[in-house]
C-alpha atoms as a PDB file:
ATOM      1  CA  MET A   1      -2.428 -54.649 -12.003  1.00  0.00           C
ATOM      2  CA  LYS A   2       0.212 -56.880 -10.397  1.00  0.00           C
ATOM      3  CA  PHE A   3       2.856 -55.173 -12.484  1.00  0.00           C
ATOM      4  CA  LEU A   4       1.761 -51.770 -11.143  1.00  0.00           C
ATOM      5  CA  ALA A   5       1.829 -53.008  -7.541  1.00  0.00           C
ATOM      6  CA  LEU A   6       5.340 -54.454  -8.021  1.00  0.00           C
ATOM      7  CA  LEU A   7       6.483 -51.216  -9.646  1.00  0.00           C
ATOM      8  CA  LEU A   8       5.201 -49.171  -6.675  1.00  0.00           C
ATOM      9  CA  LEU A   9       6.834 -51.545  -4.207  1.00  0.00           C
ATOM     10  CA  ALA A  10      10.177 -51.353  -6.015  1.00  0.00           C
ATOM     11  CA  ALA A  11       9.992 -47.551  -6.228  1.00  0.00           C
ATOM     12  CA  SER A  12       9.256 -47.173  -2.516  1.00  0.00           C
ATOM     13  CA  ALA A  13      12.069 -49.578  -1.606  1.00  0.00           C
ATOM     14  CA  ALA A  14      14.494 -47.622  -3.776  1.00  0.00           C
ATOM     15  CA  ALA A  15      13.388 -44.351  -2.176  1.00  0.00           C
ATOM     16  CA  CYS A  16      13.995 -45.746   1.329  1.00  0.00           C
ATOM     17  CA  ALA A  17      17.368 -47.174   0.372  1.00  0.00           C
ATOM     18  CA  ALA A  18      18.496 -43.860  -1.125  1.00  0.00           C
ATOM     19  CA  ARG A  19      17.999 -41.981   2.148  1.00  0.00           C
ATOM     20  CA  THR A  20      21.000 -41.425   4.363  1.00  0.00           C
ATOM     21  CA  PRO A  21      20.421 -42.574   7.913  1.00  0.00           C
ATOM     22  CA  SER A  22      19.931 -39.823  10.422  1.00  0.00           C
ATOM     23  CA  VAL A  23      22.738 -39.313  12.897  1.00  0.00           C
ATOM     24  CA  ALA A  24      21.788 -39.989  16.485  1.00  0.00           C
ATOM     25  CA  VAL A  25      22.306 -36.961  18.653  1.00  0.00           C
ATOM     26  CA  PRO A  26      23.586 -37.920  22.090  1.00  0.00           C
ATOM     27  CA  SER A  27      21.373 -36.821  24.914  1.00  0.00           C
ATOM     28  CA  PRO A  28      22.841 -34.386  27.392  1.00  0.00           C
ATOM     29  CA  VAL A  29      24.358 -35.799  30.526  1.00  0.00           C
ATOM     30  CA  VAL A  30      21.727 -35.725  33.256  1.00  0.00           C
ATOM     31  CA  PRO A  31      22.735 -36.013  36.903  1.00  0.00           C
ATOM     32  CA  ALA A  32      21.906 -39.401  38.465  1.00  0.00           C
ATOM     33  CA  ARG A  33      19.500 -37.836  40.946  1.00  0.00           C
ATOM     34  CA  ALA A  34      17.354 -36.431  38.130  1.00  0.00           C
ATOM     35  CA  GLN A  35      17.294 -39.811  36.386  1.00  0.00           C
ATOM     36  CA  ALA A  36      16.061 -41.649  39.471  1.00  0.00           C
ATOM     37  CA  GLU A  37      12.610 -40.125  39.701  1.00  0.00           C
ATOM     38  CA  GLY A  38       9.142 -41.495  39.093  1.00  0.00           C
ATOM     39  CA  ALA A  39       8.221 -44.065  36.478  1.00  0.00           C
ATOM     40  CA  THR A  40      11.439 -43.487  34.542  1.00  0.00           C
ATOM     41  CA  MET A  41      13.560 -44.544  37.500  1.00  0.00           C
ATOM     42  CA  ALA A  42      16.188 -47.132  36.608  1.00  0.00           C
ATOM     43  CA  GLN A  43      15.141 -50.614  37.635  1.00  0.00           C
ATOM     44  CA  PRO A  44      17.486 -53.133  39.259  1.00  0.00           C
ATOM     45  CA  SER A  45      18.844 -56.006  37.227  1.00  0.00           C
ATOM     46  CA  ASP A  46      16.836 -59.224  37.132  1.00  0.00           C
ATOM     47  CA  SER A  47      19.924 -61.332  37.814  1.00  0.00           C
ATOM     48  CA  SER A  48      19.305 -63.873  40.567  1.00  0.00           C
ATOM     49  CA  THR A  49      22.798 -63.272  41.926  1.00  0.00           C
ATOM     50  CA  ARG A  50      22.464 -59.485  42.212  1.00  0.00           C
ATOM     51  CA  LEU A  51      22.861 -58.122  45.732  1.00  0.00           C
ATOM     52  CA  LEU A  52      19.816 -56.307  47.070  1.00  0.00           C
ATOM     53  CA  GLY A  53      19.820 -52.544  47.455  1.00  0.00           C
ATOM     54  CA  LYS A  54      19.013 -50.624  50.631  1.00  0.00           C
ATOM     55  CA  ASP A  55      15.311 -50.119  49.830  1.00  0.00           C
ATOM     56  CA  GLU A  56      14.901 -53.770  48.859  1.00  0.00           C
ATOM     57  CA  CYS A  57      16.584 -54.868  52.112  1.00  0.00           C
ATOM     58  CA  GLU A  58      14.338 -52.612  54.185  1.00  0.00           C
ATOM     59  CA  SER A  59      11.289 -54.070  52.454  1.00  0.00           C
ATOM     60  CA  LEU A  60      12.545 -57.634  52.950  1.00  0.00           C
ATOM     61  CA  GLY A  61      13.191 -56.926  56.639  1.00  0.00           C
ATOM     62  CA  GLU A  62       9.596 -55.745  57.009  1.00  0.00           C
ATOM     63  CA  TRP A  63       8.428 -58.902  55.189  1.00  0.00           C
ATOM     64  CA  ILE A  64      10.384 -61.119  57.589  1.00  0.00           C
ATOM     65  CA  ALA A  65       9.185 -59.217  60.666  1.00  0.00           C
ATOM     66  CA  GLU A  66       5.587 -59.510  59.453  1.00  0.00           C
ATOM     67  CA  GLY A  67       6.052 -63.237  58.794  1.00  0.00           C
ATOM     68  CA  CYS A  68       7.223 -63.707  62.367  1.00  0.00           C
ATOM     69  CA  ARG A  69       4.162 -62.012  63.881  1.00  0.00           C
ATOM     70  CA  GLY A  70       1.410 -64.211  65.189  1.00  0.00           C
ATOM     71  CA  ALA A  71       2.842 -67.500  63.943  1.00  0.00           C
ATOM     72  CA  SER A  72       3.134 -70.411  66.332  1.00  0.00           C
ATOM     73  CA  ARG A  73       6.858 -70.883  66.761  1.00  0.00           C
ATOM     74  CA  SER A  74       9.354 -73.225  68.320  1.00  0.00           C
ATOM     75  CA  ALA A  75      11.903 -71.913  70.782  1.00  0.00           C
ATOM     76  CA  GLN A  76      14.485 -71.878  67.988  1.00  0.00           C
ATOM     77  CA  SER A  77      12.339 -69.870  65.574  1.00  0.00           C
ATOM     78  CA  GLU A  78      11.224 -67.604  68.436  1.00  0.00           C
ATOM     79  CA  ALA A  79      14.879 -66.723  69.087  1.00  0.00           C
ATOM     80  CA  TRP A  80      15.523 -66.188  65.361  1.00  0.00           C
ATOM     81  CA  CYS A  81      12.451 -63.961  65.010  1.00  0.00           C
ATOM     82  CA  SER A  82      13.456 -61.939  68.079  1.00  0.00           C
ATOM     83  CA  GLU A  83      16.922 -61.457  66.615  1.00  0.00           C
ATOM     84  CA  MET A  84      15.463 -60.410  63.241  1.00  0.00           C
ATOM     85  CA  HIS A  85      13.122 -57.896  64.918  1.00  0.00           C
ATOM     86  CA  ALA A  86      16.090 -56.401  66.792  1.00  0.00           C
ATOM     87  CA  ARG A  87      18.271 -56.301  63.664  1.00  0.00           C
ATOM     88  CA  THR A  88      15.583 -54.693  61.498  1.00  0.00           C
ATOM     89  CA  GLY A  89      14.906 -52.115  64.199  1.00  0.00           C
ATOM     90  CA  SER A  90      18.570 -51.209  64.699  1.00  0.00           C
ATOM     91  CA  GLY A  91      19.489 -51.126  61.000  1.00  0.00           C
ATOM     92  CA  THR A  92      22.070 -53.905  61.225  1.00  0.00           C
ATOM     93  CA  TRP A  93      19.812 -56.075  59.052  1.00  0.00           C
ATOM     94  CA  VAL A  94      20.044 -53.613  56.159  1.00  0.00           C
ATOM     95  CA  ASP A  95      23.843 -53.446  56.446  1.00  0.00           C
ATOM     96  CA  ASP A  96      24.139 -57.252  56.433  1.00  0.00           C
ATOM     97  CA  CYS A  97      21.501 -57.621  53.740  1.00  0.00           C
ATOM     98  CA  THR A  98      23.081 -55.192  51.255  1.00  0.00           C
ATOM     99  CA  ALA A  99      26.420 -56.976  51.690  1.00  0.00           C
ATOM    100  CA  HIS A 100      25.203 -60.590  51.433  1.00  0.00           C
ATOM    101  CA  VAL A 101      21.550 -61.096  50.401  1.00  0.00           C
ATOM    102  CA  ARG A 102      20.902 -61.736  46.715  1.00  0.00           C
ATOM    103  CA  THR A 103      17.642 -61.622  44.793  1.00  0.00           C
ATOM    104  CA  ILE A 104      17.404 -65.433  44.883  1.00  0.00           C
ATOM    105  CA  ASP A 105      17.650 -65.308  48.693  1.00  0.00           C
ATOM    106  CA  ALA A 106      14.905 -62.668  48.833  1.00  0.00           C
ATOM    107  CA  ALA A 107      12.688 -64.885  46.676  1.00  0.00           C
ATOM    108  CA  CYS A 108      13.239 -67.722  49.152  1.00  0.00           C
ATOM    109  CA  PHE A 109      12.193 -65.534  52.098  1.00  0.00           C
ATOM    110  CA  GLU A 110       9.143 -64.194  50.277  1.00  0.00           C
ATOM    111  CA  ALA A 111       8.007 -67.680  49.301  1.00  0.00           C
ATOM    112  CA  SER A 112       8.185 -68.854  52.914  1.00  0.00           C
ATOM    113  CA  ALA A 113       4.974 -69.286  54.848  1.00  0.00           C
ATOM    114  CA  ASN A 114       6.437 -69.558  58.343  1.00  0.00           C
ATOM    115  CA  PRO A 115       9.468 -68.627  60.449  1.00  0.00           C
ATOM    116  CA  GLY A 116      10.951 -72.124  60.158  1.00  0.00           C
ATOM    117  CA  SER A 117      11.082 -71.808  56.373  1.00  0.00           C
ATOM    118  CA  MET A 118      12.550 -68.315  56.634  1.00  0.00           C
ATOM    119  CA  MET A 119      15.242 -69.665  58.967  1.00  0.00           C
ATOM    120  CA  SER A 120      16.167 -72.198  56.269  1.00  0.00           C
ATOM    121  CA  CYS A 121      16.499 -69.354  53.769  1.00  0.00           C
ATOM    122  CA  ASP A 122      18.687 -67.427  56.196  1.00  0.00           C
ATOM    123  CA  ARG A 123      21.021 -70.412  56.591  1.00  0.00           C
ATOM    124  CA  THR A 124      21.642 -70.572  52.829  1.00  0.00           C
ATOM    125  CA  ILE A 125      22.982 -67.004  52.614  1.00  0.00           C
ATOM    126  CA  GLU A 126      26.732 -66.947  52.065  1.00  0.00           C
ATOM    127  CA  ARG A 127      28.231 -64.662  54.703  1.00  0.00           C
END
């Protein structure tokens, strides 16, 4: 019985080895706009040093603005929060963010529980 099982195993291995591999057919070139839709949309790199994209910066700006609302603040953090509200509203935050803010910086902001902590994150950004 073992001999028969080994014989079948050897025969199937030989049959697989005798096949020629199929040639991969390249997919047609699809415009970038068509590729960036729905669940198949390309995802950003997970590198901690990758600069954020426009959508990520807009989302982070909303996160910061929300973190500034309703928190008891010092005069210094009040001024910083006011500046951030103005910058997110005018769009200058997104311009600065896409040029300087990296994923590691965004993680710092999102882990912050108060404006003082967010100010510390802002100071670490290399501009």
